[in-house]
Amino acid sequence: MYKPEREHPERGIIFIPLLLFAGMGLVDSLVKLAQHQYVSDEETALFSAILFLNAFISGILAAIFYRKHNRYFLKGKVWGWGLLLGSVNFGSIYFLVRALHYTSPSGMHMDSSVIFGANNISIVALSVLIGLLVFKEKLKLINWIGVVLSALALLLFTLV
């Protein structure tokens, strides 16, 4: 949620939204490329499993090489939350690729820009909802304006 902390933020912090925008655009583009060029509808589960196996192995290697964080790594609670988050992310990628492959009974495909837009807006909306209900966050007027604009954008996507 937007919470201004300083009148003049640090200089480098302004690049974080740009980096996030570029990074998410790159991830969405790579998922679309993989779906279009390499992953058939039947291989979606295998693609997602290999992707998350690589992430798991990378996490194990990072824990081995960054020993000062190992005390957190060995806790069951960390593994439990990690498995839960990994399962949700696995489902997210799996169903995103399935949606990109989907053909309606009339033979129509939904444009990938609509799928990615609806997916990303839904993630933000769900995050806000979890923040409100689980973490008891208070939204300011600017936050509510963002929520309303996101809902309107999602509505526009469904009308296209």
N, C-alpha and C. Protein backbone atom coordinates (compact mmCIF):
# COMPACT_ATOMS: atom_id res chain seq x y z
N MET A 1 0.82 -1.17 0.00
CA MET A 1 0.00 0.00 0.00
C MET A 1 0.88 1.25 0.00
N TYR A 2 0.42 2.27 -0.62
CA TYR A 2 1.16 3.52 -0.72
C TYR A 2 1.20 4.20 0.64
N LYS A 3 2.40 4.41 1.15
CA LYS A 3 2.58 5.09 2.43
C LYS A 3 3.80 6.00 2.31
N PRO A 4 3.60 7.29 2.06
CA PRO A 4 4.76 8.17 1.95
C PRO A 4 5.49 8.26 3.28
N GLU A 5 6.79 8.00 3.26
CA GLU A 5 7.57 8.02 4.49
C GLU A 5 8.44 9.27 4.58
N ARG A 6 8.87 9.76 3.44
CA ARG A 6 9.75 10.93 3.42
C ARG A 6 9.26 11.90 2.37
N GLU A 7 9.66 13.14 2.56
CA GLU A 7 9.32 14.13 1.56
C GLU A 7 10.14 13.92 0.30
N HIS A 8 11.42 13.54 0.47
CA HIS A 8 12.32 13.31 -0.66
C HIS A 8 12.89 11.90 -0.53
N PRO A 9 12.35 10.93 -1.28
CA PRO A 9 12.88 9.57 -1.18
C PRO A 9 14.30 9.47 -1.74
N GLU A 10 14.97 8.38 -1.39
CA GLU A 10 16.32 8.16 -1.90
C GLU A 10 16.29 8.14 -3.42
N ARG A 11 17.40 8.60 -4.02
CA ARG A 11 17.45 8.72 -5.48
C ARG A 11 17.24 7.39 -6.20
N GLY A 12 17.85 6.34 -5.73
CA GLY A 12 17.78 5.06 -6.42
C GLY A 12 16.43 4.38 -6.34
N ILE A 13 15.61 4.76 -5.37
CA ILE A 13 14.34 4.07 -5.16
C ILE A 13 13.35 4.32 -6.30
N ILE A 14 13.54 5.38 -7.04
CA ILE A 14 12.64 5.70 -8.14
C ILE A 14 12.72 4.65 -9.26
N PHE A 15 13.82 3.93 -9.32
CA PHE A 15 13.99 2.93 -10.37
C PHE A 15 13.32 1.59 -10.04
N ILE A 16 12.90 1.40 -8.81
CA ILE A 16 12.27 0.14 -8.43
C ILE A 16 10.99 -0.12 -9.23
N PRO A 17 10.05 0.83 -9.35
CA PRO A 17 8.87 0.56 -10.19
C PRO A 17 9.23 0.26 -11.65
N LEU A 18 10.23 0.96 -12.18
CA LEU A 18 10.65 0.71 -13.56
C LEU A 18 11.25 -0.69 -13.70
N LEU A 19 12.06 -1.08 -12.73
CA LEU A 19 12.65 -2.41 -12.73
C LEU A 19 11.57 -3.49 -12.60
N LEU A 20 10.61 -3.26 -11.73
CA LEU A 20 9.50 -4.19 -11.56
C LEU A 20 8.68 -4.31 -12.84
N PHE A 21 8.39 -3.18 -13.47
CA PHE A 21 7.64 -3.16 -14.72
C PHE A 21 8.37 -3.94 -15.81
N ALA A 22 9.67 -3.65 -15.97
CA ALA A 22 10.46 -4.34 -16.99
C ALA A 22 10.61 -5.82 -16.67
N GLY A 23 10.84 -6.15 -15.41
CA GLY A 23 11.00 -7.55 -15.02
C GLY A 23 9.74 -8.36 -15.23
N MET A 24 8.59 -7.81 -14.84
CA MET A 24 7.34 -8.54 -15.04
C MET A 24 7.00 -8.65 -16.53
N GLY A 25 7.31 -7.61 -17.29
CA GLY A 25 7.10 -7.68 -18.74
C GLY A 25 7.96 -8.76 -19.37
N LEU A 26 9.21 -8.87 -18.90
CA LEU A 26 10.11 -9.90 -19.41
C LEU A 26 9.60 -11.29 -19.05
N VAL A 27 9.16 -11.47 -17.81
CA VAL A 27 8.63 -12.78 -17.39
C VAL A 27 7.40 -13.14 -18.22
N ASP A 28 6.46 -12.20 -18.38
CA ASP A 28 5.27 -12.47 -19.18
C ASP A 28 5.64 -12.81 -20.62
N SER A 29 6.60 -12.10 -21.18
CA SER A 29 7.04 -12.37 -22.55
C SER A 29 7.68 -13.75 -22.68
N LEU A 30 8.50 -14.12 -21.70
CA LEU A 30 9.13 -15.44 -21.74
C LEU A 30 8.12 -16.57 -21.57
N VAL A 31 7.11 -16.36 -20.73
CA VAL A 31 6.05 -17.37 -20.58
C VAL A 31 5.30 -17.52 -21.90
N LYS A 32 4.98 -16.41 -22.54
CA LYS A 32 4.27 -16.47 -23.83
C LYS A 32 5.13 -17.14 -24.89
N LEU A 33 6.42 -16.81 -24.93
CA LEU A 33 7.32 -17.44 -25.89
C LEU A 33 7.38 -18.95 -25.66
N ALA A 34 7.55 -19.36 -24.41
CA ALA A 34 7.61 -20.79 -24.10
C ALA A 34 6.30 -21.47 -24.49
N GLN A 35 5.18 -20.86 -24.16
CA GLN A 35 3.87 -21.45 -24.49
C GLN A 35 3.69 -21.57 -25.99
N HIS A 36 4.07 -20.54 -26.72
CA HIS A 36 3.83 -20.51 -28.16
C HIS A 36 4.79 -21.42 -28.93
N GLN A 37 6.07 -21.44 -28.54
CA GLN A 37 7.09 -22.14 -29.31
C GLN A 37 7.40 -23.56 -28.81
N TYR A 38 7.31 -23.78 -27.51
CA TYR A 38 7.89 -25.01 -26.96
C TYR A 38 6.93 -25.90 -26.17
N VAL A 39 5.89 -25.36 -25.58
CA VAL A 39 5.06 -26.12 -24.65
C VAL A 39 3.68 -26.35 -25.24
N SER A 40 3.37 -27.62 -25.51
CA SER A 40 2.02 -27.93 -25.98
C SER A 40 1.09 -27.99 -24.76
N ASP A 41 -0.20 -28.03 -25.04
CA ASP A 41 -1.18 -28.07 -23.94
C ASP A 41 -0.97 -29.30 -23.06
N GLU A 42 -0.58 -30.41 -23.68
CA GLU A 42 -0.37 -31.65 -22.93
C GLU A 42 0.89 -31.59 -22.06
N GLU A 43 1.83 -30.72 -22.40
CA GLU A 43 3.10 -30.64 -21.68
C GLU A 43 3.12 -29.53 -20.61
N THR A 44 1.99 -28.89 -20.39
CA THR A 44 1.95 -27.76 -19.46
C THR A 44 2.36 -28.15 -18.05
N ALA A 45 1.87 -29.27 -17.56
CA ALA A 45 2.22 -29.71 -16.20
C ALA A 45 3.71 -30.02 -16.11
N LEU A 46 4.26 -30.68 -17.12
CA LEU A 46 5.69 -31.00 -17.12
C LEU A 46 6.52 -29.72 -17.17
N PHE A 47 6.13 -28.77 -18.01
CA PHE A 47 6.81 -27.48 -18.09
C PHE A 47 6.83 -26.79 -16.73
N SER A 48 5.68 -26.74 -16.08
CA SER A 48 5.59 -26.09 -14.77
C SER A 48 6.43 -26.82 -13.74
N ALA A 49 6.40 -28.15 -13.77
CA ALA A 49 7.18 -28.94 -12.81
C ALA A 49 8.68 -28.71 -12.99
N ILE A 50 9.14 -28.70 -14.23
CA ILE A 50 10.58 -28.47 -14.48
C ILE A 50 10.98 -27.06 -14.05
N LEU A 51 10.13 -26.09 -14.33
CA LEU A 51 10.38 -24.71 -13.93
C LEU A 51 10.55 -24.62 -12.41
N PHE A 52 9.65 -25.24 -11.67
CA PHE A 52 9.70 -25.16 -10.21
C PHE A 52 10.76 -26.07 -9.61
N LEU A 53 11.12 -27.15 -10.28
CA LEU A 53 12.24 -27.96 -9.83
C LEU A 53 13.53 -27.15 -9.92
N ASN A 54 13.68 -26.41 -11.01
CA ASN A 54 14.85 -25.53 -11.15
C ASN A 54 14.88 -24.47 -10.05
N ALA A 55 13.73 -23.90 -9.73
CA ALA A 55 13.67 -22.90 -8.66
C ALA A 55 14.02 -23.53 -7.32
N PHE A 56 13.55 -24.75 -7.08
CA PHE A 56 13.85 -25.45 -5.83
C PHE A 56 15.35 -25.73 -5.70
N ILE A 57 15.94 -26.23 -6.78
CA ILE A 57 17.38 -26.52 -6.76
C ILE A 57 18.18 -25.23 -6.57
N SER A 58 17.75 -24.16 -7.23
CA SER A 58 18.43 -22.86 -7.05
C SER A 58 18.34 -22.40 -5.60
N GLY A 59 17.19 -22.60 -4.98
CA GLY A 59 17.01 -22.23 -3.58
C GLY A 59 17.90 -23.03 -2.66
N ILE A 60 18.02 -24.33 -2.92
CA ILE A 60 18.90 -25.19 -2.11
C ILE A 60 20.34 -24.73 -2.26
N LEU A 61 20.77 -24.49 -3.50
CA LEU A 61 22.15 -24.03 -3.72
C LEU A 61 22.41 -22.68 -3.07
N ALA A 62 21.45 -21.78 -3.14
CA ALA A 62 21.61 -20.47 -2.49
C ALA A 62 21.74 -20.64 -0.99
N ALA A 63 20.97 -21.55 -0.41
CA ALA A 63 21.05 -21.79 1.04
C ALA A 63 22.41 -22.37 1.43
N ILE A 64 22.95 -23.20 0.57
CA ILE A 64 24.27 -23.80 0.86
C ILE A 64 25.35 -22.73 0.79
N PHE A 65 25.30 -21.87 -0.21
CA PHE A 65 26.36 -20.89 -0.41
C PHE A 65 26.23 -19.64 0.46
N TYR A 66 25.03 -19.34 0.91
CA TYR A 66 24.82 -18.20 1.82
C TYR A 66 24.56 -18.74 3.21
N ARG A 67 25.59 -19.23 3.82
CA ARG A 67 25.47 -19.94 5.10
C ARG A 67 24.91 -19.10 6.24
N LYS A 68 25.07 -17.80 6.21
CA LYS A 68 24.60 -17.01 7.34
C LYS A 68 23.07 -17.02 7.45
N HIS A 69 22.36 -17.42 6.39
CA HIS A 69 20.90 -17.52 6.43
C HIS A 69 20.42 -18.95 6.67
N ASN A 70 21.33 -19.89 6.86
CA ASN A 70 20.94 -21.29 7.03
C ASN A 70 20.07 -21.54 8.25
N ARG A 71 20.21 -20.74 9.28
CA ARG A 71 19.42 -20.98 10.49
C ARG A 71 17.93 -20.86 10.19
N TYR A 72 17.54 -20.02 9.23
CA TYR A 72 16.14 -19.91 8.85
C TYR A 72 15.73 -21.05 7.92
N PHE A 73 16.65 -21.47 7.09
CA PHE A 73 16.37 -22.46 6.06
C PHE A 73 15.98 -23.82 6.65
N LEU A 74 16.54 -24.16 7.79
CA LEU A 74 16.32 -25.49 8.36
C LEU A 74 15.05 -25.59 9.20
N LYS A 75 14.29 -24.54 9.33
CA LYS A 75 13.08 -24.57 10.15
C LYS A 75 11.91 -25.13 9.36
N GLY A 76 11.12 -25.98 10.03
CA GLY A 76 9.96 -26.59 9.39
C GLY A 76 8.93 -25.57 8.93
N LYS A 77 8.78 -24.50 9.70
CA LYS A 77 7.82 -23.46 9.34
C LYS A 77 8.20 -22.82 8.00
N VAL A 78 9.49 -22.61 7.79
CA VAL A 78 9.96 -22.03 6.52
C VAL A 78 9.64 -22.97 5.37
N TRP A 79 9.88 -24.27 5.57
CA TRP A 79 9.58 -25.26 4.53
C TRP A 79 8.08 -25.32 4.25
N GLY A 80 7.28 -25.27 5.30
CA GLY A 80 5.82 -25.32 5.12
C GLY A 80 5.30 -24.14 4.32
N TRP A 81 5.72 -22.93 4.70
CA TRP A 81 5.29 -21.74 3.97
C TRP A 81 5.87 -21.74 2.55
N GLY A 82 7.09 -22.23 2.41
CA GLY A 82 7.70 -22.31 1.09
C GLY A 82 6.95 -23.26 0.17
N LEU A 83 6.53 -24.41 0.71
CA LEU A 83 5.75 -25.36 -0.08
C LEU A 83 4.38 -24.79 -0.45
N LEU A 84 3.77 -24.08 0.49
CA LEU A 84 2.47 -23.47 0.20
C LEU A 84 2.61 -22.42 -0.90
N LEU A 85 3.59 -21.53 -0.76
CA LEU A 85 3.81 -20.50 -1.77
C LEU A 85 4.19 -21.12 -3.11
N GLY A 86 5.04 -22.13 -3.08
CA GLY A 86 5.43 -22.82 -4.31
C GLY A 86 4.25 -23.48 -5.00
N SER A 87 3.36 -24.07 -4.22
CA SER A 87 2.17 -24.71 -4.79
C SER A 87 1.26 -23.69 -5.46
N VAL A 88 1.06 -22.56 -4.80
CA VAL A 88 0.23 -21.50 -5.38
C VAL A 88 0.88 -20.98 -6.66
N ASN A 89 2.17 -20.76 -6.64
CA ASN A 89 2.87 -20.27 -7.83
C ASN A 89 2.87 -21.30 -8.95
N PHE A 90 3.01 -22.58 -8.60
CA PHE A 90 2.93 -23.65 -9.59
C PHE A 90 1.57 -23.60 -10.29
N GLY A 91 0.51 -23.52 -9.49
CA GLY A 91 -0.84 -23.44 -10.05
C GLY A 91 -1.02 -22.20 -10.92
N SER A 92 -0.42 -21.10 -10.49
CA SER A 92 -0.52 -19.86 -11.25
C SER A 92 0.09 -20.01 -12.64
N ILE A 93 1.29 -20.54 -12.71
CA ILE A 93 1.95 -20.74 -14.01
C ILE A 93 1.20 -21.78 -14.84
N TYR A 94 0.82 -22.89 -14.21
CA TYR A 94 0.12 -23.96 -14.91
C TYR A 94 -1.16 -23.43 -15.57
N PHE A 95 -2.00 -22.75 -14.78
CA PHE A 95 -3.27 -22.28 -15.33
C PHE A 95 -3.10 -21.10 -16.28
N LEU A 96 -2.05 -20.31 -16.09
CA LEU A 96 -1.76 -19.22 -17.02
C LEU A 96 -1.42 -19.79 -18.40
N VAL A 97 -0.56 -20.80 -18.44
CA VAL A 97 -0.19 -21.42 -19.72
C VAL A 97 -1.39 -22.13 -20.33
N ARG A 98 -2.21 -22.78 -19.50
CA ARG A 98 -3.42 -23.42 -20.01
C ARG A 98 -4.37 -22.39 -20.62
N ALA A 99 -4.50 -21.23 -19.96
CA ALA A 99 -5.36 -20.17 -20.49
C ALA A 99 -4.83 -19.65 -21.83
N LEU A 100 -3.51 -19.57 -21.96
CA LEU A 100 -2.92 -19.11 -23.22
C LEU A 100 -3.18 -20.11 -24.35
N HIS A 101 -3.30 -21.39 -24.00
CA HIS A 101 -3.58 -22.43 -25.00
C HIS A 101 -5.08 -22.58 -25.30
N TYR A 102 -5.93 -22.05 -24.45
CA TYR A 102 -7.36 -22.33 -24.53
C TYR A 102 -7.98 -21.86 -25.84
N THR A 103 -8.80 -22.73 -26.40
CA THR A 103 -9.62 -22.41 -27.57
C THR A 103 -11.07 -22.68 -27.19
N SER A 104 -11.94 -21.71 -27.41
CA SER A 104 -13.36 -21.89 -27.08
C SER A 104 -13.99 -22.90 -28.04
N PRO A 105 -15.16 -23.43 -27.69
CA PRO A 105 -15.83 -24.37 -28.60
C PRO A 105 -16.10 -23.78 -29.98
N SER A 106 -16.20 -22.45 -30.06
CA SER A 106 -16.42 -21.83 -31.37
C SER A 106 -15.11 -21.56 -32.12
N GLY A 107 -13.97 -21.98 -31.52
CA GLY A 107 -12.68 -21.84 -32.17
C GLY A 107 -11.97 -20.52 -31.91
N MET A 108 -12.45 -19.74 -30.97
CA MET A 108 -11.86 -18.44 -30.68
C MET A 108 -10.76 -18.56 -29.61
N HIS A 109 -9.69 -17.78 -29.80
CA HIS A 109 -8.61 -17.66 -28.82
C HIS A 109 -8.72 -16.30 -28.14
N MET A 110 -8.42 -16.26 -26.85
CA MET A 110 -8.37 -14.97 -26.17
C MET A 110 -6.98 -14.39 -26.38
N ASP A 111 -6.90 -13.11 -26.65
CA ASP A 111 -5.63 -12.46 -26.86
C ASP A 111 -4.78 -12.54 -25.60
N SER A 112 -3.49 -12.82 -25.77
CA SER A 112 -2.61 -12.98 -24.61
C SER A 112 -2.49 -11.71 -23.78
N SER A 113 -2.62 -10.54 -24.41
CA SER A 113 -2.54 -9.29 -23.64
C SER A 113 -3.70 -9.19 -22.66
N VAL A 114 -4.86 -9.71 -23.03
CA VAL A 114 -6.01 -9.72 -22.12
C VAL A 114 -5.76 -10.69 -20.98
N ILE A 115 -5.23 -11.87 -21.30
CA ILE A 115 -4.96 -12.88 -20.27
C ILE A 115 -3.93 -12.36 -19.27
N PHE A 116 -2.82 -11.82 -19.77
CA PHE A 116 -1.78 -11.32 -18.85
C PHE A 116 -2.29 -10.12 -18.05
N GLY A 117 -3.02 -9.23 -18.69
CA GLY A 117 -3.56 -8.08 -17.97
C GLY A 117 -4.51 -8.48 -16.87
N ALA A 118 -5.45 -9.37 -17.21
CA ALA A 118 -6.42 -9.84 -16.21
C ALA A 118 -5.71 -10.59 -15.08
N ASN A 119 -4.71 -11.39 -15.42
CA ASN A 119 -3.96 -12.13 -14.41
C ASN A 119 -3.23 -11.18 -13.46
N ASN A 120 -2.53 -10.21 -14.00
CA ASN A 120 -1.76 -9.30 -13.16
C ASN A 120 -2.66 -8.41 -12.29
N ILE A 121 -3.75 -7.93 -12.85
CA ILE A 121 -4.69 -7.12 -12.06
C ILE A 121 -5.32 -7.97 -10.97
N SER A 122 -5.65 -9.21 -11.28
CA SER A 122 -6.24 -10.11 -10.27
C SER A 122 -5.26 -10.39 -9.14
N ILE A 123 -3.99 -10.53 -9.45
CA ILE A 123 -2.98 -10.75 -8.41
C ILE A 123 -2.91 -9.54 -7.48
N VAL A 124 -2.91 -8.35 -8.04
CA VAL A 124 -2.88 -7.14 -7.21
C VAL A 124 -4.14 -7.05 -6.35
N ALA A 125 -5.30 -7.32 -6.95
CA ALA A 125 -6.56 -7.25 -6.21
C ALA A 125 -6.58 -8.27 -5.07
N LEU A 126 -6.12 -9.49 -5.33
CA LEU A 126 -6.06 -10.51 -4.29
C LEU A 126 -5.09 -10.12 -3.18
N SER A 127 -3.97 -9.51 -3.56
CA SER A 127 -3.00 -9.05 -2.56
C SER A 127 -3.60 -7.98 -1.66
N VAL A 128 -4.35 -7.06 -2.24
CA VAL A 128 -5.02 -6.02 -1.45
C VAL A 128 -6.03 -6.65 -0.51
N LEU A 129 -6.81 -7.60 -1.01
CA LEU A 129 -7.82 -8.27 -0.20
C LEU A 129 -7.18 -9.02 0.97
N ILE A 130 -6.10 -9.73 0.71
CA ILE A 130 -5.38 -10.44 1.78
C ILE A 130 -4.81 -9.44 2.78
N GLY A 131 -4.27 -8.34 2.30
CA GLY A 131 -3.75 -7.30 3.19
C GLY A 131 -4.83 -6.76 4.11
N LEU A 132 -6.03 -6.55 3.55
CA LEU A 132 -7.14 -6.04 4.35
C LEU A 132 -7.63 -7.06 5.37
N LEU A 133 -7.85 -8.29 4.93
CA LEU A 133 -8.47 -9.29 5.79
C LEU A 133 -7.50 -9.97 6.75
N VAL A 134 -6.31 -10.30 6.27
CA VAL A 134 -5.36 -11.06 7.10
C VAL A 134 -4.48 -10.14 7.93
N PHE A 135 -3.95 -9.11 7.29
CA PHE A 135 -2.98 -8.25 7.97
C PHE A 135 -3.60 -6.96 8.51
N LYS A 136 -4.92 -6.81 8.34
CA LYS A 136 -5.66 -5.65 8.87
C LYS A 136 -5.07 -4.31 8.43
N GLU A 137 -4.62 -4.25 7.18
CA GLU A 137 -4.07 -3.01 6.65
C GLU A 137 -5.19 -2.00 6.43
N LYS A 138 -4.86 -0.76 6.60
CA LYS A 138 -5.81 0.34 6.36
C LYS A 138 -5.45 0.99 5.03
N LEU A 139 -6.44 1.13 4.16
CA LEU A 139 -6.19 1.75 2.87
C LEU A 139 -6.49 3.24 2.93
N LYS A 140 -5.61 4.01 2.30
CA LYS A 140 -5.83 5.45 2.18
C LYS A 140 -6.61 5.71 0.90
N LEU A 141 -7.00 6.95 0.70
CA LEU A 141 -7.78 7.31 -0.48
C LEU A 141 -7.07 6.92 -1.77
N ILE A 142 -5.77 7.16 -1.84
CA ILE A 142 -5.03 6.83 -3.05
C ILE A 142 -5.03 5.32 -3.31
N ASN A 143 -5.02 4.51 -2.23
CA ASN A 143 -5.09 3.06 -2.38
C ASN A 143 -6.45 2.64 -2.94
N TRP A 144 -7.53 3.24 -2.41
CA TRP A 144 -8.87 2.92 -2.90
C TRP A 144 -9.04 3.34 -4.35
N ILE A 145 -8.46 4.46 -4.73
CA ILE A 145 -8.51 4.90 -6.13
C ILE A 145 -7.83 3.86 -7.02
N GLY A 146 -6.69 3.33 -6.58
CA GLY A 146 -6.00 2.28 -7.32
C GLY A 146 -6.83 1.02 -7.44
N VAL A 147 -7.51 0.63 -6.36
CA VAL A 147 -8.37 -0.56 -6.38
C VAL A 147 -9.51 -0.37 -7.37
N VAL A 148 -10.15 0.79 -7.33
CA VAL A 148 -11.27 1.06 -8.24
C VAL A 148 -10.79 1.08 -9.70
N LEU A 149 -9.65 1.72 -9.96
CA LEU A 149 -9.12 1.74 -11.33
C LEU A 149 -8.76 0.33 -11.81
N SER A 150 -8.23 -0.50 -10.92
CA SER A 150 -7.92 -1.88 -11.28
C SER A 150 -9.19 -2.65 -11.61
N ALA A 151 -10.23 -2.46 -10.81
CA ALA A 151 -11.50 -3.14 -11.08
C ALA A 151 -12.08 -2.69 -12.41
N LEU A 152 -11.99 -1.40 -12.69
CA LEU A 152 -12.48 -0.89 -13.99
C LEU A 152 -11.67 -1.46 -15.15
N ALA A 153 -10.36 -1.55 -14.97
CA ALA A 153 -9.51 -2.13 -16.02
C ALA A 153 -9.87 -3.59 -16.26
N LEU A 154 -10.11 -4.33 -15.18
CA LEU A 154 -10.50 -5.74 -15.31
C LEU A 154 -11.84 -5.86 -16.03
N LEU A 155 -12.76 -4.97 -15.70
CA LEU A 155 -14.06 -4.95 -16.38
C LEU A 155 -13.89 -4.66 -17.87
N LEU A 156 -13.03 -3.71 -18.20
CA LEU A 156 -12.77 -3.40 -19.61
C LEU A 156 -12.17 -4.59 -20.35
N PHE A 157 -11.27 -5.34 -19.67
CA PHE A 157 -10.68 -6.53 -20.29
C PHE A 157 -11.76 -7.54 -20.64
N THR A 158 -12.74 -7.71 -19.77
CA THR A 158 -13.77 -8.72 -20.02
C THR A 158 -14.72 -8.30 -21.13
N LEU A 159 -14.82 -7.00 -21.39
CA LEU A 159 -15.71 -6.52 -22.44
C LEU A 159 -15.07 -6.56 -23.82
N VAL A 160 -13.75 -6.70 -23.88
CA VAL A 160 -13.03 -6.68 -25.16
C VAL A 160 -13.25 -7.96 -25.91
